[in-house]
Amino acid sequence: MNRRDALKALAGLALCPLCSPYGFAAEGAHWSYEGATGPAKWGDLDAADKVCAIGSQQSPIDIVAPIKSQLPPLKINWAKSADTIVNNGHTIQLNFAEGSTLAVGDTKYKLLQVHFHRPSEHMIAGKSYPMEAHFVHRADTGALAVVGVLISTGKVNAAFAKMVSTMPEKEGPPVKADAGFNPSVMLPKKLGYYRYPGSLTTPPCAETVEWLLLTTPITVAESDVAGFAKLYPLNARPVQRDNRRYVLMS
């Protein structure tokens, strides 16, 4: 990473509400997923969020024609439980203590948190999924990598079921997470992935993210999706223009 990219990443991190280990929303204008403060207006709500409207590498996207490539394997070493859980007013988020890591080639990242969107934010050839999980990682340089997991309905997933059964119903500070949430249970057996340069999918929409979206969805119980939807029936940003970005596929 050159000096300009490093400064860009650090600037984005300072404004990143998803990168806080506590999950509190960043100070600034109120934003939402609908109406006058919805995604179409994010770039107008606060000067710090202008890139939401004018950025050229925004996320999520509809992945239509990925290019088969020799990508490095994802080497995931996560703890078997989360530290805290929080309803931050935009989603449910589980935060992790030091020690959980992701290695992609020569770059090593620390797992900060996982949060959830309904429906999925990314689409595959026009297809949407019931939900999507985002595992947010940060390197020592400030660079971000998000492992995205598409979620279908079917067989129960023990980790997701535990999250739904213990999630705070109202917005508030983090509380101790139940030891039954094992993040690795929310990964498919095969870790093939799509890779592209993009952004945070919430204000300030900083274009500092290396997206690693797994190609194989997982399944969770339909009743658990319905349980999440009682709190957040819609918390997904619509797909953005790809602006001729290449999407690689392992």
Protein backbone atom coordinates (compact mmCIF):
# COMPACT_ATOMS: atom_id res chain seq x y z
CA MET A 1 0.00 0.00 0.00
CA ASN A 2 1.45 3.37 -0.98
CA ARG A 3 1.36 6.44 1.22
CA ARG A 4 -1.69 7.93 -0.51
CA ASP A 5 -3.69 4.72 -0.14
CA ALA A 6 -2.62 4.36 3.48
CA LEU A 7 -3.77 7.86 4.34
CA LYS A 8 -7.04 7.24 2.53
CA ALA A 9 -7.62 4.05 4.49
CA LEU A 10 -6.87 5.70 7.81
CA ALA A 11 -9.14 8.63 7.00
CA GLY A 12 -11.95 6.25 6.15
CA LEU A 13 -11.35 4.29 9.34
CA ALA A 14 -11.70 7.41 11.46
CA LEU A 15 -15.16 7.94 10.00
CA CYS A 16 -16.22 4.29 9.91
CA PRO A 17 -19.18 3.47 12.17
CA LEU A 18 -18.82 -0.24 11.41
CA CYS A 19 -15.18 -0.37 12.50
CA SER A 20 -15.75 0.69 16.08
CA PRO A 21 -15.19 -2.24 18.42
CA TYR A 22 -18.36 -1.13 20.21
CA GLY A 23 -20.63 -0.70 17.22
CA PHE A 24 -21.91 2.77 18.05
CA ALA A 25 -23.03 4.83 15.08
CA ALA A 26 -20.68 7.63 14.11
CA GLU A 27 -21.63 11.14 15.14
CA GLY A 28 -23.25 13.18 12.42
CA ALA A 29 -26.48 13.38 10.49
CA HIS A 30 -29.13 10.73 11.10
CA TRP A 31 -29.43 8.22 8.28
CA SER A 32 -31.75 5.31 7.63
CA TYR A 33 -32.76 2.83 4.95
CA GLU A 34 -36.00 4.48 3.88
CA GLY A 35 -37.56 7.86 3.11
CA ALA A 36 -35.93 11.26 3.38
CA THR A 37 -32.83 9.90 5.14
CA GLY A 38 -32.59 6.73 3.02
CA PRO A 39 -29.75 5.57 0.73
CA ALA A 40 -30.61 7.91 -2.15
CA LYS A 41 -30.08 10.87 0.21
CA TRP A 42 -27.03 9.73 2.19
CA GLY A 43 -24.62 11.89 0.19
CA ASP A 44 -26.66 15.03 1.00
CA LEU A 45 -27.06 14.51 4.74
CA ASP A 46 -23.55 15.40 5.87
CA ALA A 47 -20.42 16.72 4.15
CA ALA A 48 -18.51 13.74 5.56
CA ASP A 49 -20.85 11.41 3.66
CA LYS A 50 -20.52 13.05 0.23
CA VAL A 51 -18.70 10.05 -1.23
CA CYS A 52 -21.94 8.05 -0.85
CA ALA A 53 -23.20 10.08 -3.81
CA ILE A 54 -20.08 10.84 -5.85
CA GLY A 55 -17.82 7.85 -5.19
CA SER A 56 -16.71 5.65 -8.07
CA GLN A 57 -16.10 2.41 -6.13
CA GLN A 58 -19.26 2.07 -4.09
CA SER A 59 -20.69 -1.13 -2.60
CA PRO A 60 -22.66 -3.34 -2.80
CA ILE A 61 -22.80 -4.39 -6.45
CA ASP A 62 -24.53 -6.96 -8.62
CA ILE A 63 -21.85 -9.51 -9.56
CA VAL A 64 -22.64 -10.50 -13.14
CA ALA A 65 -19.48 -11.59 -14.98
CA PRO A 66 -16.67 -12.43 -12.55
CA ILE A 67 -13.26 -13.35 -13.93
CA LYS A 68 -11.88 -16.72 -12.88
CA SER A 69 -8.51 -16.07 -11.24
CA GLN A 70 -5.78 -17.61 -9.13
CA LEU A 71 -6.59 -15.89 -5.83
CA PRO A 72 -4.84 -16.64 -2.53
CA PRO A 73 -6.80 -18.85 -0.13
CA LEU A 74 -8.57 -17.22 2.80
CA LYS A 75 -6.81 -18.34 5.96
CA ILE A 76 -9.31 -17.81 8.78
CA ASN A 77 -8.45 -18.24 12.44
CA TRP A 78 -11.35 -16.93 14.49
CA ALA A 79 -12.16 -17.36 18.15
CA LYS A 80 -15.03 -19.73 18.95
CA SER A 81 -17.12 -17.01 20.58
CA ALA A 82 -17.82 -13.27 20.37
CA ASP A 83 -17.11 -10.75 23.11
CA THR A 84 -20.17 -8.49 23.04
CA ILE A 85 -23.43 -8.04 21.11
CA VAL A 86 -25.13 -4.73 20.35
CA ASN A 87 -28.24 -3.37 18.67
CA ASN A 88 -26.76 -0.17 17.24
CA GLY A 89 -29.91 1.20 15.63
CA HIS A 90 -28.99 -0.01 12.15
CA THR A 91 -28.28 -3.72 12.66
CA ILE A 92 -27.30 -6.40 15.15
CA GLN A 93 -23.54 -6.62 15.60
CA LEU A 94 -21.23 -8.99 17.46
CA ASN A 95 -17.81 -7.65 18.47
CA PHE A 96 -14.66 -9.71 18.95
CA ALA A 97 -11.74 -9.43 21.32
CA GLU A 98 -8.13 -9.46 20.11
CA GLY A 99 -6.87 -12.68 18.60
CA SER A 100 -9.17 -13.56 15.67
CA THR A 101 -7.43 -13.15 12.32
CA LEU A 102 -7.77 -13.41 8.55
CA ALA A 103 -4.78 -13.81 6.23
CA VAL A 104 -5.05 -13.11 2.48
CA GLY A 105 -1.71 -13.63 0.79
CA ASP A 106 0.86 -11.60 2.70
CA THR A 107 -1.71 -9.38 4.40
CA LYS A 108 -3.03 -10.20 7.87
CA TYR A 109 -6.18 -8.67 9.29
CA LYS A 110 -7.83 -8.68 12.72
CA LEU A 111 -11.52 -9.55 13.01
CA LEU A 112 -13.39 -6.63 14.58
CA GLN A 113 -17.04 -7.58 14.25
CA VAL A 114 -19.81 -9.22 12.26
CA HIS A 115 -23.14 -7.61 11.44
CA PHE A 116 -26.17 -8.53 9.35
CA HIS A 117 -28.26 -7.12 6.51
CA ARG A 118 -31.74 -8.05 5.29
CA PRO A 119 -32.09 -8.71 2.40
CA SER A 120 -28.60 -9.37 1.03
CA GLU A 121 -26.78 -6.28 -0.15
CA HIS A 122 -24.82 -7.99 -2.91
CA MET A 123 -26.62 -9.70 -5.76
CA ILE A 124 -25.35 -12.52 -7.96
CA ALA A 125 -26.49 -12.17 -11.59
CA GLY A 126 -29.56 -10.28 -10.42
CA LYS A 127 -30.40 -12.70 -7.62
CA SER A 128 -30.88 -11.44 -4.08
CA TYR A 129 -30.69 -13.56 -0.92
CA PRO A 130 -32.75 -13.33 2.29
CA MET A 131 -29.79 -11.98 4.29
CA GLU A 132 -26.05 -11.30 4.26
CA ALA A 133 -23.43 -11.33 7.01
CA HIS A 134 -20.38 -9.04 6.95
CA PHE A 135 -17.27 -10.03 8.90
CA VAL A 136 -15.26 -6.80 9.16
CA HIS A 137 -11.46 -7.04 9.46
CA ARG A 138 -8.75 -4.40 9.76
CA ALA A 139 -5.02 -4.58 9.03
CA ASP A 140 -2.43 -2.68 11.07
CA THR A 141 -2.17 -0.22 8.16
CA GLY A 142 -5.86 0.64 8.56
CA ALA A 143 -6.89 -1.23 5.41
CA LEU A 144 -10.22 -3.04 5.67
CA ALA A 145 -11.29 -6.46 4.38
CA VAL A 146 -14.86 -7.66 4.67
CA VAL A 147 -15.76 -11.32 4.28
CA GLY A 148 -19.35 -11.41 3.06
CA VAL A 149 -21.54 -14.48 3.53
CA LEU A 150 -24.80 -14.82 1.60
CA ILE A 151 -27.62 -16.40 3.60
CA SER A 152 -30.41 -18.62 2.25
CA THR A 153 -33.18 -20.32 4.21
CA GLY A 154 -33.17 -24.05 4.90
CA LYS A 155 -31.45 -26.02 7.62
CA VAL A 156 -30.91 -24.33 10.96
CA ASN A 157 -27.52 -22.71 11.61
CA ALA A 158 -26.61 -23.01 15.29
CA ALA A 159 -24.58 -19.79 15.46
CA PHE A 160 -27.18 -17.66 13.71
CA ALA A 161 -29.97 -19.19 15.80
CA LYS A 162 -28.05 -18.32 18.98
CA MET A 163 -27.55 -14.75 17.76
CA VAL A 164 -31.25 -14.30 17.01
CA SER A 165 -32.34 -15.77 20.34
CA THR A 166 -30.05 -13.46 22.33
CA MET A 167 -30.04 -10.22 20.29
CA PRO A 168 -31.08 -7.05 22.15
CA GLU A 169 -34.51 -5.91 21.02
CA LYS A 170 -33.79 -2.22 21.54
CA GLU A 171 -30.90 0.05 20.57
CA GLY A 172 -28.39 0.42 23.36
CA PRO A 173 -24.82 -0.20 24.56
CA PRO A 174 -23.07 -3.54 23.99
CA VAL A 175 -23.76 -6.41 26.37
CA LYS A 176 -21.88 -9.64 26.93
CA ALA A 177 -22.45 -12.08 24.07
CA ASP A 178 -23.65 -15.62 24.69
CA ALA A 179 -20.79 -18.10 24.47
CA GLY A 180 -22.86 -20.19 22.06
CA PHE A 181 -22.12 -17.95 19.06
CA ASN A 182 -19.24 -19.52 17.11
CA PRO A 183 -18.55 -17.37 14.01
CA SER A 184 -16.88 -20.18 12.08
CA VAL A 185 -20.19 -22.07 12.05
CA MET A 186 -21.45 -19.32 9.74
CA LEU A 187 -18.95 -20.23 7.02
CA PRO A 188 -19.62 -22.68 4.17
CA LYS A 189 -17.32 -25.69 3.82
CA LYS A 190 -15.70 -24.24 0.70
CA LEU A 191 -14.19 -20.76 0.94
CA GLY A 192 -14.22 -19.80 -2.72
CA TYR A 193 -14.82 -16.07 -3.08
CA TYR A 194 -15.39 -13.03 -5.28
CA ARG A 195 -12.91 -10.19 -4.79
CA TYR A 196 -13.26 -6.55 -5.77
CA PRO A 197 -12.33 -3.06 -4.45
CA GLY A 198 -15.28 -1.26 -2.88
CA SER A 199 -16.65 0.73 0.00
CA LEU A 200 -18.48 0.59 3.27
CA THR A 201 -22.17 0.02 2.59
CA THR A 202 -23.23 2.58 5.20
CA PRO A 203 -22.31 6.26 5.66
CA PRO A 204 -19.64 7.56 5.23
CA CYS A 205 -19.34 4.99 2.35
CA ALA A 206 -15.54 5.26 2.52
CA GLU A 207 -13.89 3.50 -0.45
CA THR A 208 -11.41 1.61 1.71
CA VAL A 209 -12.71 -1.97 1.58
CA GLU A 210 -11.34 -5.11 -0.06
CA TRP A 211 -14.49 -7.18 -0.58
CA LEU A 212 -14.20 -10.95 -0.21
CA LEU A 213 -17.70 -12.28 -0.87
CA LEU A 214 -17.96 -16.05 -0.49
CA THR A 215 -19.38 -17.80 -3.54
CA THR A 216 -21.24 -20.48 -1.54
CA PRO A 217 -24.22 -19.33 0.57
CA ILE A 218 -25.05 -20.82 3.95
CA THR A 219 -28.53 -21.74 5.16
CA VAL A 220 -30.33 -20.68 8.31
CA ALA A 221 -33.82 -21.45 9.57
CA GLU A 222 -36.56 -19.38 7.96
CA SER A 223 -37.97 -18.73 11.44
CA ASP A 224 -34.64 -17.17 12.48
CA VAL A 225 -34.68 -14.84 9.47
CA ALA A 226 -38.21 -13.87 10.52
CA GLY A 227 -36.94 -13.24 14.04
CA PHE A 228 -34.27 -10.85 12.78
CA ALA A 229 -36.82 -9.19 10.49
CA LYS A 230 -38.97 -8.28 13.48
CA LEU A 231 -36.23 -5.82 14.42
CA TYR A 232 -34.82 -5.01 10.98
CA PRO A 233 -37.15 -5.88 8.09
CA LEU A 234 -35.06 -3.75 5.69
CA ASN A 235 -31.49 -2.67 6.36
CA ALA A 236 -29.73 -3.17 3.03
CA ARG A 237 -28.28 -0.57 0.68
CA PRO A 238 -29.34 -1.05 -2.97
CA VAL A 239 -26.70 -2.20 -5.44
CA GLN A 240 -24.44 0.50 -6.87
CA ARG A 241 -22.86 0.96 -10.30
CA ASP A 242 -19.81 -1.22 -10.82
CA ASN A 243 -18.16 1.44 -12.99
CA ARG A 244 -16.33 -1.26 -14.94
CA ARG A 245 -14.57 -2.65 -11.89
CA TYR A 246 -13.17 -6.12 -12.38
CA VAL A 247 -14.60 -8.76 -10.04
CA LEU A 248 -12.25 -11.73 -9.62
CA MET A 249 -13.45 -15.21 -8.61
CA SER A 250 -11.30 -17.90 -7.04
